[in-house]
Protein backbone atom coordinates (compact mmCIF):
# COMPACT_ATOMS: atom_id res chain seq x y z
CA UNK A 1 -23.01 19.15 15.90
CA UNK A 2 -19.51 18.00 16.59
CA UNK A 3 -19.34 15.65 13.34
CA UNK A 4 -20.52 16.63 10.01
CA UNK A 5 -20.31 14.63 6.69
CA UNK A 6 -19.99 16.13 3.22
CA UNK A 7 -20.76 14.04 0.44
CA UNK A 8 -19.38 14.53 -3.14
CA UNK A 9 -20.12 11.67 -5.57
CA UNK A 10 -18.46 8.56 -4.19
CA UNK A 11 -16.34 10.36 -1.62
CA UNK A 12 -17.44 11.40 1.79
CA UNK A 13 -15.55 13.86 3.91
CA UNK A 14 -15.97 13.38 7.79
CA UNK A 15 -15.27 16.61 9.76
CA UNK A 16 -14.78 16.83 13.52
CA UNK A 17 -15.47 20.20 14.77
CA UNK A 18 -14.98 20.99 18.48
CA UNK A 19 -12.58 24.00 17.97
CA UNK A 20 -13.17 25.13 21.55
CA UNK A 21 -11.32 21.99 22.82
CA UNK A 22 -8.90 21.74 19.73
CA UNK A 23 -11.01 18.86 18.51
CA UNK A 24 -10.20 16.84 21.64
CA UNK A 25 -12.57 13.85 21.64
CA UNK A 26 -15.40 13.69 24.30
CA UNK A 27 -17.98 10.81 24.28
CA UNK A 28 -20.65 12.54 22.35
CA UNK A 29 -17.95 13.24 19.45
CA UNK A 30 -16.76 9.78 19.74
CA UNK A 31 -20.11 8.28 19.36
CA UNK A 32 -20.88 10.63 16.42
CA UNK A 33 -17.81 9.93 14.66
CA UNK A 34 -18.40 6.16 14.96
CA UNK A 35 -21.90 6.47 13.69
CA UNK A 36 -20.55 8.54 10.70
CA UNK A 37 -18.07 5.87 9.68
CA UNK A 38 -20.56 2.97 10.31
CA UNK A 39 -22.91 4.95 7.88
CA UNK A 40 -20.06 5.30 5.52
CA UNK A 41 -19.50 1.52 5.60
CA UNK A 42 -23.04 0.57 5.08
CA UNK A 43 -23.75 2.96 2.12
CA UNK A 44 -23.06 1.16 -1.24
CA UNK A 45 -22.62 4.60 -3.07
CA UNK A 46 -19.93 5.61 -0.59
CA UNK A 47 -16.40 4.41 -1.79
CA UNK A 48 -13.67 6.47 -0.01
CA UNK A 49 -13.80 8.65 3.07
CA UNK A 50 -11.66 11.54 4.17
CA UNK A 51 -11.36 12.38 7.82
CA UNK A 52 -10.32 16.04 9.12
CA UNK A 53 -10.67 18.41 11.81
CA UNK A 54 -11.78 22.11 11.63
CA UNK A 55 -9.72 25.44 12.34
CA UNK A 56 -6.20 23.97 11.73
CA UNK A 57 -6.49 21.03 14.08
CA UNK A 58 -6.82 17.44 13.33
CA UNK A 59 -7.44 16.22 16.87
CA UNK A 60 -5.63 17.05 20.23
CA UNK A 61 -6.55 13.58 21.81
CA UNK A 62 -8.98 12.49 24.45
CA UNK A 63 -10.73 15.37 26.17
CA UNK A 64 -8.74 15.54 29.30
CA UNK A 65 -11.34 17.63 31.07
CA UNK A 66 -13.81 14.89 30.60
CA UNK A 67 -11.19 12.36 31.75
CA UNK A 68 -10.57 14.31 35.06
CA UNK A 69 -14.29 14.06 35.70
CA UNK A 70 -13.90 10.30 36.02
CA UNK A 71 -11.48 10.51 39.04
CA UNK A 72 -14.33 9.68 41.53
CA UNK A 73 -13.92 6.06 40.60
CA UNK A 74 -17.68 5.34 39.76
CA UNK A 75 -17.60 7.30 36.58
CA UNK A 76 -14.31 5.39 35.65
CA UNK A 77 -15.83 2.05 36.26
CA UNK A 78 -19.13 3.01 34.43
CA UNK A 79 -17.67 4.78 31.29
CA UNK A 80 -14.33 3.06 30.75
CA UNK A 81 -14.07 -0.32 32.56
CA UNK A 82 -17.60 -1.37 31.59
CA UNK A 83 -18.35 1.09 28.82
CA UNK A 84 -15.34 0.40 26.58
CA UNK A 85 -14.07 -2.95 27.55
CA UNK A 86 -13.97 -5.78 25.00
CA UNK A 87 -16.88 -8.09 25.76
CA UNK A 88 -16.48 -11.91 26.16
CA UNK A 89 -17.50 -13.67 23.05
CA UNK A 90 -16.15 -10.95 20.48
CA UNK A 91 -17.22 -7.72 18.96
CA UNK A 92 -16.25 -4.40 20.38
CA UNK A 93 -17.60 -1.08 21.55
CA UNK A 94 -15.97 2.16 20.10
CA UNK A 95 -12.80 3.12 21.30
CA UNK A 96 -12.30 6.32 23.46
CA UNK A 97 -11.45 8.18 20.30
CA UNK A 98 -14.49 6.70 18.51
CA UNK A 99 -14.05 4.54 15.30
CA UNK A 100 -10.39 3.11 16.09
CA UNK A 101 -11.61 -0.38 16.66
CA UNK A 102 -13.75 -0.51 13.40
CA UNK A 103 -12.24 -2.61 10.78
CA UNK A 104 -13.74 -1.18 7.57
CA UNK A 105 -13.88 -2.63 4.18
CA UNK A 106 -13.25 0.79 2.55
CA UNK A 107 -10.32 2.99 2.63
CA UNK A 108 -10.08 6.32 4.79
CA UNK A 109 -7.71 9.02 4.22
CA UNK A 110 -6.71 11.44 7.08
CA UNK A 111 -6.18 15.13 6.20
CA UNK A 112 -4.09 16.46 9.02
CA UNK A 113 -3.50 19.98 9.80
CA UNK A 114 -1.88 21.09 13.13
CA UNK A 115 -1.68 18.56 15.95
CA UNK A 116 -2.70 14.99 15.76
CA UNK A 117 -1.52 14.06 19.21
CA UNK A 118 -2.10 11.40 21.90
CA UNK A 119 -5.43 9.73 20.90
CA UNK A 120 -5.42 12.00 17.79
CA UNK A 121 -2.33 10.42 16.76
CA UNK A 122 -4.00 6.93 17.22
CA UNK A 123 -7.00 8.13 15.17
CA UNK A 124 -4.71 9.18 12.39
CA UNK A 125 -3.01 5.87 12.48
CA UNK A 126 -6.33 4.13 12.09
CA UNK A 127 -6.64 5.52 8.70
CA UNK A 128 -5.25 3.91 5.66
CA UNK A 129 -3.28 7.08 4.42
CA UNK A 130 -2.26 10.27 6.12
CA UNK A 131 -1.74 13.71 4.20
CA UNK A 132 0.05 16.12 6.49
CA UNK A 133 0.40 19.86 6.31
CA UNK A 134 4.11 20.70 6.47
CA UNK A 135 3.47 22.47 9.81
CA UNK A 136 1.46 19.44 11.26
CA UNK A 137 2.83 17.05 13.78
CA UNK A 138 2.16 13.81 15.80
CA UNK A 139 3.27 12.70 19.16
CA UNK A 140 2.37 10.70 22.26
CA UNK A 141 1.63 13.91 24.24
CA UNK A 142 -0.40 11.94 26.80
CA UNK A 143 2.94 10.51 28.12
CA UNK A 144 2.91 13.70 30.28
CA UNK A 145 -0.30 12.58 32.07
CA UNK A 146 0.10 8.95 32.84
CA UNK A 147 -2.54 8.07 30.05
CA UNK A 148 -1.54 5.04 27.97
CA UNK A 149 -2.46 4.44 24.28
CA UNK A 150 -5.83 2.64 24.22
CA UNK A 151 -6.94 3.40 20.50
CA UNK A 152 -4.46 0.92 18.74
CA UNK A 153 -1.44 3.07 18.92
CA UNK A 154 0.75 0.31 20.30
CA UNK A 155 -0.49 -1.88 17.57
CA UNK A 156 -0.39 0.33 14.51
CA UNK A 157 2.62 2.46 15.22
CA UNK A 158 5.35 -0.32 15.16
CA UNK A 159 3.70 -1.77 12.13
CA UNK A 160 4.28 1.51 10.26
CA UNK A 161 7.86 2.39 11.61
CA UNK A 162 9.16 -0.66 13.24
CA UNK A 163 9.59 -1.42 16.93
CA UNK A 164 12.55 0.42 17.92
CA UNK A 165 11.32 3.69 16.55
CA UNK A 166 7.93 3.06 17.86
CA UNK A 167 9.29 2.52 21.22
CA UNK A 168 11.38 5.79 21.04
CA UNK A 169 8.34 7.84 20.08
CA UNK A 170 5.98 6.27 22.46
CA UNK A 171 8.39 6.40 25.59
CA UNK A 172 9.69 10.01 24.94
CA UNK A 173 6.30 11.40 24.00
CA UNK A 174 8.18 13.81 21.82
CA UNK A 175 6.78 15.99 18.88
CA UNK A 176 7.24 14.27 15.51
CA UNK A 177 7.01 16.94 12.82
CA UNK A 178 5.55 16.36 9.36
CA UNK A 179 8.93 16.04 7.69
CA UNK A 180 10.12 13.24 9.96
CA UNK A 181 6.68 11.56 9.79
CA UNK A 182 7.21 11.36 5.90
CA UNK A 183 10.79 10.22 6.30
CA UNK A 184 9.73 7.27 8.80
CA UNK A 185 6.65 6.13 7.04
CA UNK A 186 4.10 7.77 9.47
CA UNK A 187 2.35 9.75 6.66
CA UNK A 188 2.43 9.28 2.91
CA UNK A 189 2.18 12.92 1.57
CA UNK A 190 3.23 16.36 2.80
CA UNK A 191 1.59 19.52 1.35
CA UNK A 192 1.41 23.14 2.20
CA UNK A 193 -0.54 24.29 5.24
CA UNK A 194 -4.23 24.61 4.36
CA UNK A 195 -4.07 22.16 1.54
CA UNK A 196 -4.51 18.76 3.17
CA UNK A 197 -8.37 18.46 2.75
CA UNK A 198 -8.09 19.25 -0.95
CA UNK A 199 -5.25 16.91 -1.49
CA UNK A 200 -6.85 14.14 0.41
CA UNK A 201 -10.02 14.59 -1.29
CA UNK A 202 -8.45 14.41 -4.78
CA UNK A 203 -6.79 11.24 -3.83
CA UNK A 204 -10.00 9.86 -2.69
CA UNK A 205 -11.73 10.63 -5.98
CA UNK A 206 -9.01 9.08 -7.77
CA UNK A 207 -9.33 5.92 -5.83
CA UNK A 208 -13.14 6.03 -6.31
CA UNK A 209 -12.98 5.98 -10.02
CA UNK A 210 -11.26 2.52 -10.17
CA UNK A 211 -13.21 -0.76 -9.99
CA UNK A 212 -13.88 -1.08 -6.39
CA UNK A 213 -13.88 -4.84 -5.93
CA UNK A 214 -10.31 -5.41 -6.92
CA UNK A 215 -9.03 -2.34 -4.92
CA UNK A 216 -10.81 -3.41 -1.90
CA UNK A 217 -9.39 -6.95 -1.87
CA UNK A 218 -5.88 -5.70 -2.38
CA UNK A 219 -6.47 -3.39 0.50
CA UNK A 220 -7.80 -6.09 2.60
CA UNK A 221 -4.93 -8.63 1.63
CA UNK A 222 -2.24 -5.98 2.63
CA UNK A 223 -3.84 -5.51 5.99
CA UNK A 224 -4.70 -9.26 6.69
CA UNK A 225 -1.50 -10.89 5.55
CA UNK A 226 0.57 -8.70 7.80
CA UNK A 227 2.61 -11.03 10.04
CA UNK A 228 1.66 -14.19 8.28
CA UNK A 229 4.23 -16.47 6.91
CA UNK A 230 4.86 -16.25 3.11
CA UNK A 231 2.80 -19.47 2.16
CA UNK A 232 -0.12 -18.64 4.36
CA UNK A 233 -0.02 -15.01 3.01
CA UNK A 234 -0.11 -16.05 -0.55
CA UNK A 235 -2.97 -18.42 0.09
CA UNK A 236 -4.96 -15.51 1.84
CA UNK A 237 -4.12 -13.24 -1.10
CA UNK A 238 -5.44 -15.86 -3.71
CA UNK A 239 -8.62 -16.59 -1.61
CA UNK A 240 -9.31 -12.84 -1.34
CA UNK A 241 -8.89 -11.92 -4.96
CA UNK A 242 -9.74 -14.93 -7.25
CA UNK A 243 -13.37 -14.39 -7.42
CA UNK A 244 -12.86 -10.74 -8.32
CA UNK A 245 -10.92 -11.49 -11.35
CA UNK A 246 -14.07 -13.17 -12.55
CA UNK A 247 -16.48 -10.48 -11.40
CA UNK A 248 -14.19 -7.46 -12.40
CA UNK A 249 -11.06 -8.45 -14.05
CA UNK A 250 -12.31 -10.29 -17.15
CA UNK A 251 -14.46 -7.26 -18.10
CA UNK A 252 -11.39 -5.01 -17.41
CA UNK A 253 -9.27 -7.19 -19.75
CA UNK A 254 -11.85 -6.94 -22.45
CA UNK A 255 -11.88 -3.14 -22.25
CA UNK A 256 -8.02 -3.10 -22.67
CA UNK A 257 -8.28 -5.65 -25.68
CA UNK A 258 -10.80 -3.15 -27.23
CA UNK A 259 -8.28 -0.13 -26.87
CA UNK A 260 -8.89 1.35 -23.42
CA UNK A 261 -5.82 2.33 -21.11
CA UNK A 262 -2.90 1.46 -23.51
CA UNK A 263 0.57 2.32 -22.63
CA UNK A 264 -0.12 3.00 -18.93
CA UNK A 265 -2.86 5.46 -19.63
CA UNK A 266 -4.99 5.80 -16.43
CA UNK A 267 -7.35 8.51 -17.92
CA UNK A 268 -9.06 6.15 -20.42
CA UNK A 269 -10.15 3.04 -18.38
């Protein structure tokens, strides 16, 4: 089984396990990874997910041995042009790397050891937060083989680092080490090698213990208001959040009134 899920309370850890291919993504793995995240989204008891790979590798990208098998033309038309194209009328099949076209209502944290390159970098960028080992790295390594970014890389990369830096990283295909990723906003935390999963899971449990409605609408507003004008963004923020104040916020305010969480205490909430 190339994809397994470990459940601990409200936190799911989704593990991609194809070490013989450095966790490169073939169609079976992409289907399994997509199904795992659809199950996470559908489960009311699942609050936060962690995505990681095995044996010191996050994901080496699209499986190029599989890609090479499509050179006959018929396979490419069947598997790529028809199989992965956006259909008329909305909706979307999975991306080549699996869940990269899903727009989940819950957060996903990437725990990145080793390479997250080419499509593996795009998979990491799909996540909300990236925890990288100090020896890990990103990069558009598919630049060497004439394969463009098709899993959201050209959309998400400039939103994180700006257009100029995104162009430089994408056009050169160079290695982007963890310390630079942190400096330019491609990851949020850098930890010692081997510690990414534990760190990501600890962060996930911290997020999972808060009232989920308010956390999710703030997450949604941060995502949905990107690129909007200020007035439209403020309206959307209000519409996303106002009902949650009634459902969660008034009760939370009453807990504060009764003594919980005073002086910035996050333990007693």
